[in-house]
Amino acid sequence: MVSILMDTISMYHYGMSNRTCRVADCDNPYVAKGFCERHYRRWKRYGDPSVLRLVQHHGKTVAERLAIYTQQTEGCWEWIGARYSGTGYGMLGVGNRPHGAHRVSWEVNCGPIPSGMSVLHRCDNRGCVRPDHLFLGTPADNTADMMAKGRNGFSSTRGMRHPNAKLTDDNARMIKASPLIDSDLAWRLGVSKQVIGAVRKGKTWKHVT
């Protein structure tokens, strides 16, 4: 009985060890989900074992690599390569250093970027590398653009007009004038104590008196 069991286990392991990755033209041994270790990592991370962003394109020019990782549409040209973590900006290695894909696109299509200038997005899509959606600006222009578009905590709208507003102008006036503690006001208005505290400390709704 023990001998039969051991033979069964050996046959199972032999069968597993001889299975290869189900990706076409890949002869690496099976690890999980029908993929080898490399393709399994790609599938697990991106949902596609042959995702383009992991393919290396040695010997290509910068312009050719830019085109490979760009998905052109009638609107934005979306970057499908690597991105800077947490920012949404595309990233492309040039001269052994990472560069913003939108900056590379500008230089390839429009020419050198003057010293001290930034490449900004008209479309407000950080992953877009379409040349006519980009424009040059100073750091001050960049900050003004962020404020106008409501990015990085800035917004051109405030109070009740802000899309994330949880209070009205009258609510804010009542909070500032009320003798009630933060938790009581929060319960009455259906918001958190932090929202009440921010109003009272003048961090929000500064325009309401």
C-alpha atoms as a PDB file:
ATOM      1  CA  MET A   1       0.000   0.000   0.000  1.00  0.00           C
ATOM      2  CA  VAL A   2       2.780   2.389   0.957  1.00  0.00           C
ATOM      3  CA  SER A   3       4.628   1.529  -2.245  1.00  0.00           C
ATOM      4  CA  ILE A   4       1.571   2.311  -4.382  1.00  0.00           C
ATOM      5  CA  LEU A   5       1.111   5.658  -2.607  1.00  0.00           C
ATOM      6  CA  MET A   6       4.753   6.619  -3.142  1.00  0.00           C
ATOM      7  CA  ASP A   7       4.521   5.687  -6.819  1.00  0.00           C
ATOM      8  CA  THR A   8       1.418   7.879  -7.169  1.00  0.00           C
ATOM      9  CA  ILE A   9       3.169  10.843  -5.530  1.00  0.00           C
ATOM     10  CA  SER A  10       6.221  10.391  -7.738  1.00  0.00           C
ATOM     11  CA  MET A  11       4.096  10.291 -10.882  1.00  0.00           C
ATOM     12  CA  TYR A  12       2.264  13.460  -9.766  1.00  0.00           C
ATOM     13  CA  HIS A  13       5.506  15.372  -9.209  1.00  0.00           C
ATOM     14  CA  TYR A  14       6.920  14.072 -12.490  1.00  0.00           C
ATOM     15  CA  GLY A  15       3.847  15.318 -14.321  1.00  0.00           C
ATOM     16  CA  MET A  16       3.979  18.715 -12.617  1.00  0.00           C
ATOM     17  CA  SER A  17       7.698  19.150 -13.303  1.00  0.00           C
ATOM     18  CA  ASN A  18       7.192  18.443 -17.004  1.00  0.00           C
ATOM     19  CA  ARG A  19       4.417  20.979 -17.481  1.00  0.00           C
ATOM     20  CA  THR A  20       5.473  24.151 -19.241  1.00  0.00           C
ATOM     21  CA  CYS A  21       4.104  27.692 -19.293  1.00  0.00           C
ATOM     22  CA  ARG A  22       0.975  28.085 -21.400  1.00  0.00           C
ATOM     23  CA  VAL A  23       2.200  31.369 -22.930  1.00  0.00           C
ATOM     24  CA  ALA A  24       3.073  30.760 -26.588  1.00  0.00           C
ATOM     25  CA  ASP A  25       6.768  30.112 -27.273  1.00  0.00           C
ATOM     26  CA  CYS A  26       7.614  29.932 -23.556  1.00  0.00           C
ATOM     27  CA  ASP A  27       9.215  26.651 -22.476  1.00  0.00           C
ATOM     28  CA  ASN A  28       9.817  27.604 -18.864  1.00  0.00           C
ATOM     29  CA  PRO A  29       8.394  25.194 -16.250  1.00  0.00           C
ATOM     30  CA  TYR A  30       4.893  25.677 -14.888  1.00  0.00           C
ATOM     31  CA  VAL A  31       4.609  27.399 -11.493  1.00  0.00           C
ATOM     32  CA  ALA A  32       1.011  28.556 -10.983  1.00  0.00           C
ATOM     33  CA  LYS A  33      -2.172  29.309 -12.948  1.00  0.00           C
ATOM     34  CA  GLY A  34      -0.584  27.661 -15.973  1.00  0.00           C
ATOM     35  CA  PHE A  35       2.268  30.185 -16.119  1.00  0.00           C
ATOM     36  CA  CYS A  36       5.981  30.081 -15.416  1.00  0.00           C
ATOM     37  CA  GLU A  37       7.293  32.281 -12.597  1.00  0.00           C
ATOM     38  CA  ARG A  38       8.003  35.276 -14.863  1.00  0.00           C
ATOM     39  CA  HIS A  39       4.651  35.231 -16.644  1.00  0.00           C
ATOM     40  CA  TYR A  40       2.801  34.475 -13.408  1.00  0.00           C
ATOM     41  CA  ARG A  41       4.264  37.647 -11.820  1.00  0.00           C
ATOM     42  CA  ARG A  42       3.130  39.682 -14.831  1.00  0.00           C
ATOM     43  CA  TRP A  43      -0.329  38.131 -14.757  1.00  0.00           C
ATOM     44  CA  LYS A  44      -0.695  38.706 -11.009  1.00  0.00           C
ATOM     45  CA  ARG A  45       0.458  42.325 -11.164  1.00  0.00           C
ATOM     46  CA  TYR A  46      -1.084  43.495 -14.431  1.00  0.00           C
ATOM     47  CA  GLY A  47      -3.704  40.887 -15.331  1.00  0.00           C
ATOM     48  CA  ASP A  48      -1.832  40.080 -18.546  1.00  0.00           C
ATOM     49  CA  PRO A  49       1.166  37.699 -18.653  1.00  0.00           C
ATOM     50  CA  SER A  50       2.574  39.355 -21.775  1.00  0.00           C
ATOM     51  CA  VAL A  51       1.927  42.974 -20.773  1.00  0.00           C
ATOM     52  CA  LEU A  52       3.861  45.394 -22.971  1.00  0.00           C
ATOM     53  CA  ARG A  53       5.345  47.496 -20.202  1.00  0.00           C
ATOM     54  CA  LEU A  54       7.614  44.632 -19.132  1.00  0.00           C
ATOM     55  CA  VAL A  55       9.056  44.014 -22.588  1.00  0.00           C
ATOM     56  CA  GLN A  56      12.545  45.392 -23.129  1.00  0.00           C
ATOM     57  CA  HIS A  57      13.262  47.086 -26.451  1.00  0.00           C
ATOM     58  CA  HIS A  58      17.035  47.226 -26.681  1.00  0.00           C
ATOM     59  CA  GLY A  59      18.565  48.900 -29.700  1.00  0.00           C
ATOM     60  CA  LYS A  60      15.536  51.137 -30.348  1.00  0.00           C
ATOM     61  CA  THR A  61      15.811  54.910 -30.599  1.00  0.00           C
ATOM     62  CA  VAL A  62      14.122  57.103 -27.992  1.00  0.00           C
ATOM     63  CA  ALA A  63      11.443  58.074 -30.544  1.00  0.00           C
ATOM     64  CA  GLU A  64      10.783  54.402 -31.368  1.00  0.00           C
ATOM     65  CA  ARG A  65      10.497  53.447 -27.695  1.00  0.00           C
ATOM     66  CA  LEU A  66       8.217  56.423 -27.061  1.00  0.00           C
ATOM     67  CA  ALA A  67       5.926  55.207 -29.858  1.00  0.00           C
ATOM     68  CA  ILE A  68       5.923  51.621 -28.557  1.00  0.00           C
ATOM     69  CA  TYR A  69       4.625  52.695 -25.147  1.00  0.00           C
ATOM     70  CA  THR A  70       2.079  55.216 -26.466  1.00  0.00           C
ATOM     71  CA  GLN A  71      -1.538  54.283 -27.171  1.00  0.00           C
ATOM     72  CA  GLN A  72      -2.909  56.901 -29.549  1.00  0.00           C
ATOM     73  CA  THR A  73      -6.617  57.767 -29.554  1.00  0.00           C
ATOM     74  CA  GLU A  74      -8.673  60.620 -30.971  1.00  0.00           C
ATOM     75  CA  GLY A  75      -8.225  62.361 -27.622  1.00  0.00           C
ATOM     76  CA  CYS A  76      -5.271  61.803 -25.303  1.00  0.00           C
ATOM     77  CA  TRP A  77      -2.289  59.661 -26.203  1.00  0.00           C
ATOM     78  CA  GLU A  78      -2.110  57.423 -23.140  1.00  0.00           C
ATOM     79  CA  TRP A  79       1.211  56.219 -21.774  1.00  0.00           C
ATOM     80  CA  ILE A  80       1.136  52.423 -21.278  1.00  0.00           C
ATOM     81  CA  GLY A  81       4.691  52.039 -20.039  1.00  0.00           C
ATOM     82  CA  ALA A  82       6.082  52.434 -16.524  1.00  0.00           C
ATOM     83  CA  ARG A  83       4.924  55.328 -14.337  1.00  0.00           C
ATOM     84  CA  TYR A  84       6.370  57.217 -11.422  1.00  0.00           C
ATOM     85  CA  SER A  85       4.869  55.699  -8.284  1.00  0.00           C
ATOM     86  CA  GLY A  86       1.942  57.647  -6.880  1.00  0.00           C
ATOM     87  CA  THR A  87       2.013  60.447  -9.461  1.00  0.00           C
ATOM     88  CA  GLY A  88       0.438  59.103 -12.640  1.00  0.00           C
ATOM     89  CA  TYR A  89       3.219  60.567 -14.803  1.00  0.00           C
ATOM     90  CA  GLY A  90       4.738  58.262 -17.405  1.00  0.00           C
ATOM     91  CA  MET A  91       8.411  57.322 -17.074  1.00  0.00           C
ATOM     92  CA  LEU A  92      10.929  56.427 -19.780  1.00  0.00           C
ATOM     93  CA  GLY A  93      14.601  55.678 -19.293  1.00  0.00           C
ATOM     94  CA  VAL A  94      16.918  57.864 -21.365  1.00  0.00           C
ATOM     95  CA  GLY A  95      20.686  57.793 -20.884  1.00  0.00           C
ATOM     96  CA  ASN A  96      20.400  55.377 -17.921  1.00  0.00           C
ATOM     97  CA  ARG A  97      18.133  57.815 -16.063  1.00  0.00           C
ATOM     98  CA  PRO A  98      14.336  57.961 -15.740  1.00  0.00           C
ATOM     99  CA  HIS A  99      12.638  60.914 -17.453  1.00  0.00           C
ATOM    100  CA  GLY A 100       9.029  62.064 -17.547  1.00  0.00           C
ATOM    101  CA  ALA A 101       7.413  60.526 -20.631  1.00  0.00           C
ATOM    102  CA  HIS A 102       5.574  63.785 -21.372  1.00  0.00           C
ATOM    103  CA  ARG A 103       8.877  65.679 -21.301  1.00  0.00           C
ATOM    104  CA  VAL A 104      10.453  63.104 -23.628  1.00  0.00           C
ATOM    105  CA  SER A 105       7.464  63.453 -25.959  1.00  0.00           C
ATOM    106  CA  TRP A 106       7.915  67.217 -26.062  1.00  0.00           C
ATOM    107  CA  GLU A 107      11.611  66.941 -26.852  1.00  0.00           C
ATOM    108  CA  VAL A 108      11.065  64.311 -29.563  1.00  0.00           C
ATOM    109  CA  ASN A 109       8.220  66.198 -31.241  1.00  0.00           C
ATOM    110  CA  CYS A 110       8.840  69.863 -30.427  1.00  0.00           C
ATOM    111  CA  GLY A 111      12.505  70.282 -29.572  1.00  0.00           C
ATOM    112  CA  PRO A 112      14.613  70.946 -26.438  1.00  0.00           C
ATOM    113  CA  ILE A 113      13.011  72.175 -23.225  1.00  0.00           C
ATOM    114  CA  PRO A 114      14.530  75.517 -22.162  1.00  0.00           C
ATOM    115  CA  SER A 115      16.296  75.499 -18.818  1.00  0.00           C
ATOM    116  CA  GLY A 116      13.948  76.039 -15.892  1.00  0.00           C
ATOM    117  CA  MET A 117      10.781  75.366 -17.894  1.00  0.00           C
ATOM    118  CA  SER A 118       8.150  72.740 -17.139  1.00  0.00           C
ATOM    119  CA  VAL A 119       6.015  70.734 -19.568  1.00  0.00           C
ATOM    120  CA  LEU A 120       2.348  71.136 -18.595  1.00  0.00           C
ATOM    121  CA  HIS A 121      -0.841  69.353 -19.680  1.00  0.00           C
ATOM    122  CA  ARG A 122      -3.762  71.204 -21.297  1.00  0.00           C
ATOM    123  CA  CYS A 123      -5.890  68.072 -20.850  1.00  0.00           C
ATOM    124  CA  ASP A 124      -4.987  67.668 -17.143  1.00  0.00           C
ATOM    125  CA  ASN A 125      -4.194  63.985 -17.825  1.00  0.00           C
ATOM    126  CA  ARG A 126      -0.773  63.221 -16.384  1.00  0.00           C
ATOM    127  CA  GLY A 127      -0.539  60.040 -18.431  1.00  0.00           C
ATOM    128  CA  CYS A 128      -1.020  61.866 -21.742  1.00  0.00           C
ATOM    129  CA  VAL A 129       1.980  62.350 -24.052  1.00  0.00           C
ATOM    130  CA  ARG A 130       0.193  63.880 -27.043  1.00  0.00           C
ATOM    131  CA  PRO A 131       2.333  66.855 -28.181  1.00  0.00           C
ATOM    132  CA  ASP A 132      -0.560  69.244 -28.858  1.00  0.00           C
ATOM    133  CA  HIS A 133      -1.930  68.536 -25.369  1.00  0.00           C
ATOM    134  CA  LEU A 134       1.328  69.815 -23.863  1.00  0.00           C
ATOM    135  CA  PHE A 135       2.726  73.308 -23.407  1.00  0.00           C
ATOM    136  CA  LEU A 136       5.743  74.926 -21.806  1.00  0.00           C
ATOM    137  CA  GLY A 137       5.470  76.986 -18.630  1.00  0.00           C
ATOM    138  CA  THR A 138       7.457  78.298 -15.704  1.00  0.00           C
ATOM    139  CA  PRO A 139       7.188  76.741 -12.221  1.00  0.00           C
ATOM    140  CA  ALA A 140       4.838  79.625 -11.360  1.00  0.00           C
ATOM    141  CA  ASP A 141       2.687  78.716 -14.372  1.00  0.00           C
ATOM    142  CA  ASN A 142       2.646  75.123 -13.136  1.00  0.00           C
ATOM    143  CA  THR A 143       1.450  76.169  -9.674  1.00  0.00           C
ATOM    144  CA  ALA A 144      -1.233  78.441 -11.135  1.00  0.00           C
ATOM    145  CA  ASP A 145      -2.372  75.612 -13.401  1.00  0.00           C
ATOM    146  CA  MET A 146      -2.658  73.242 -10.419  1.00  0.00           C
ATOM    147  CA  MET A 147      -4.696  75.757  -8.453  1.00  0.00           C
ATOM    148  CA  ALA A 148      -7.011  76.501 -11.366  1.00  0.00           C
ATOM    149  CA  LYS A 149      -7.681  72.785 -11.922  1.00  0.00           C
ATOM    150  CA  GLY A 150      -8.111  71.929  -8.248  1.00  0.00           C
ATOM    151  CA  ARG A 151      -5.130  69.588  -7.971  1.00  0.00           C
ATOM    152  CA  ASN A 152      -2.772  69.108  -4.996  1.00  0.00           C
ATOM    153  CA  GLY A 153      -5.320  70.442  -2.537  1.00  0.00           C
ATOM    154  CA  PHE A 154      -6.008  73.679  -4.446  1.00  0.00           C
ATOM    155  CA  SER A 155      -9.337  74.539  -6.028  1.00  0.00           C
ATOM    156  CA  SER A 156     -10.697  77.485  -7.951  1.00  0.00           C
ATOM    157  CA  THR A 157     -14.077  76.853  -6.314  1.00  0.00           C
ATOM    158  CA  ARG A 158     -14.824  76.971  -2.632  1.00  0.00           C
ATOM    159  CA  GLY A 159     -17.631  76.635  -0.140  1.00  0.00           C
ATOM    160  CA  MET A 160     -20.910  75.262  -1.458  1.00  0.00           C
ATOM    161  CA  ARG A 161     -19.603  75.325  -5.046  1.00  0.00           C
ATOM    162  CA  HIS A 162     -16.837  72.845  -4.266  1.00  0.00           C
ATOM    163  CA  PRO A 163     -17.754  69.344  -5.551  1.00  0.00           C
ATOM    164  CA  ASN A 164     -16.751  67.735  -2.226  1.00  0.00           C
ATOM    165  CA  ALA A 165     -18.547  70.215   0.045  1.00  0.00           C
ATOM    166  CA  LYS A 166     -20.338  68.583   2.984  1.00  0.00           C
ATOM    167  CA  LEU A 167     -21.709  71.806   4.476  1.00  0.00           C
ATOM    168  CA  THR A 168     -23.563  74.930   3.401  1.00  0.00           C
ATOM    169  CA  ASP A 169     -22.592  78.532   4.093  1.00  0.00           C
ATOM    170  CA  ASP A 170     -25.298  78.695   6.778  1.00  0.00           C
ATOM    171  CA  ASN A 171     -23.911  75.512   8.386  1.00  0.00           C
ATOM    172  CA  ALA A 172     -20.463  77.075   8.529  1.00  0.00           C
ATOM    173  CA  ARG A 173     -21.790  80.271  10.131  1.00  0.00           C
ATOM    174  CA  MET A 174     -23.681  78.230  12.715  1.00  0.00           C
ATOM    175  CA  ILE A 175     -20.577  76.176  13.528  1.00  0.00           C
ATOM    176  CA  LYS A 176     -18.512  79.307  14.091  1.00  0.00           C
ATOM    177  CA  ALA A 177     -21.144  80.871  16.352  1.00  0.00           C
ATOM    178  CA  SER A 178     -22.392  77.796  18.229  1.00  0.00           C
ATOM    179  CA  PRO A 179     -21.401  77.124  21.865  1.00  0.00           C
ATOM    180  CA  LEU A 180     -21.884  73.363  21.318  1.00  0.00           C
ATOM    181  CA  ILE A 181     -18.876  71.063  21.354  1.00  0.00           C
ATOM    182  CA  ASP A 182     -17.517  69.598  18.126  1.00  0.00           C
ATOM    183  CA  SER A 183     -19.008  66.122  18.643  1.00  0.00           C
ATOM    184  CA  ASP A 184     -22.536  67.497  19.183  1.00  0.00           C
ATOM    185  CA  LEU A 185     -22.350  69.661  16.068  1.00  0.00           C
ATOM    186  CA  ALA A 186     -20.913  66.773  14.076  1.00  0.00           C
ATOM    187  CA  TRP A 187     -23.857  64.557  15.088  1.00  0.00           C
ATOM    188  CA  ARG A 188     -26.422  67.231  14.207  1.00  0.00           C
ATOM    189  CA  LEU A 189     -24.911  67.970  10.799  1.00  0.00           C
ATOM    190  CA  GLY A 190     -23.975  64.416   9.885  1.00  0.00           C
ATOM    191  CA  VAL A 191     -20.254  65.084   9.466  1.00  0.00           C
ATOM    192  CA  SER A 192     -17.101  64.162  11.377  1.00  0.00           C
ATOM    193  CA  LYS A 193     -15.597  66.078  14.291  1.00  0.00           C
ATOM    194  CA  GLN A 194     -12.605  66.818  12.077  1.00  0.00           C
ATOM    195  CA  VAL A 195     -14.856  68.713   9.643  1.00  0.00           C
ATOM    196  CA  ILE A 196     -16.257  70.822  12.495  1.00  0.00           C
ATOM    197  CA  GLY A 197     -12.792  71.445  13.915  1.00  0.00           C
ATOM    198  CA  ALA A 198     -11.425  72.551  10.533  1.00  0.00           C
ATOM    199  CA  VAL A 199     -14.187  75.158  10.197  1.00  0.00           C
ATOM    200  CA  ARG A 200     -13.630  76.504  13.711  1.00  0.00           C
ATOM    201  CA  LYS A 201      -9.862  76.695  13.248  1.00  0.00           C
ATOM    202  CA  GLY A 202     -10.252  78.598   9.992  1.00  0.00           C
ATOM    203  CA  LYS A 203      -8.726  75.848   7.847  1.00  0.00           C
ATOM    204  CA  THR A 204     -11.897  75.640   5.748  1.00  0.00           C
ATOM    205  CA  TRP A 205     -14.808  77.991   4.951  1.00  0.00           C
ATOM    206  CA  LYS A 206     -12.596  81.017   5.603  1.00  0.00           C
ATOM    207  CA  HIS A 207     -14.773  83.159   3.347  1.00  0.00           C
ATOM    208  CA  VAL A 208     -17.825  82.742   5.598  1.00  0.00           C
ATOM    209  CA  THR A 209     -18.117  85.171   8.500  1.00  0.00           C
END
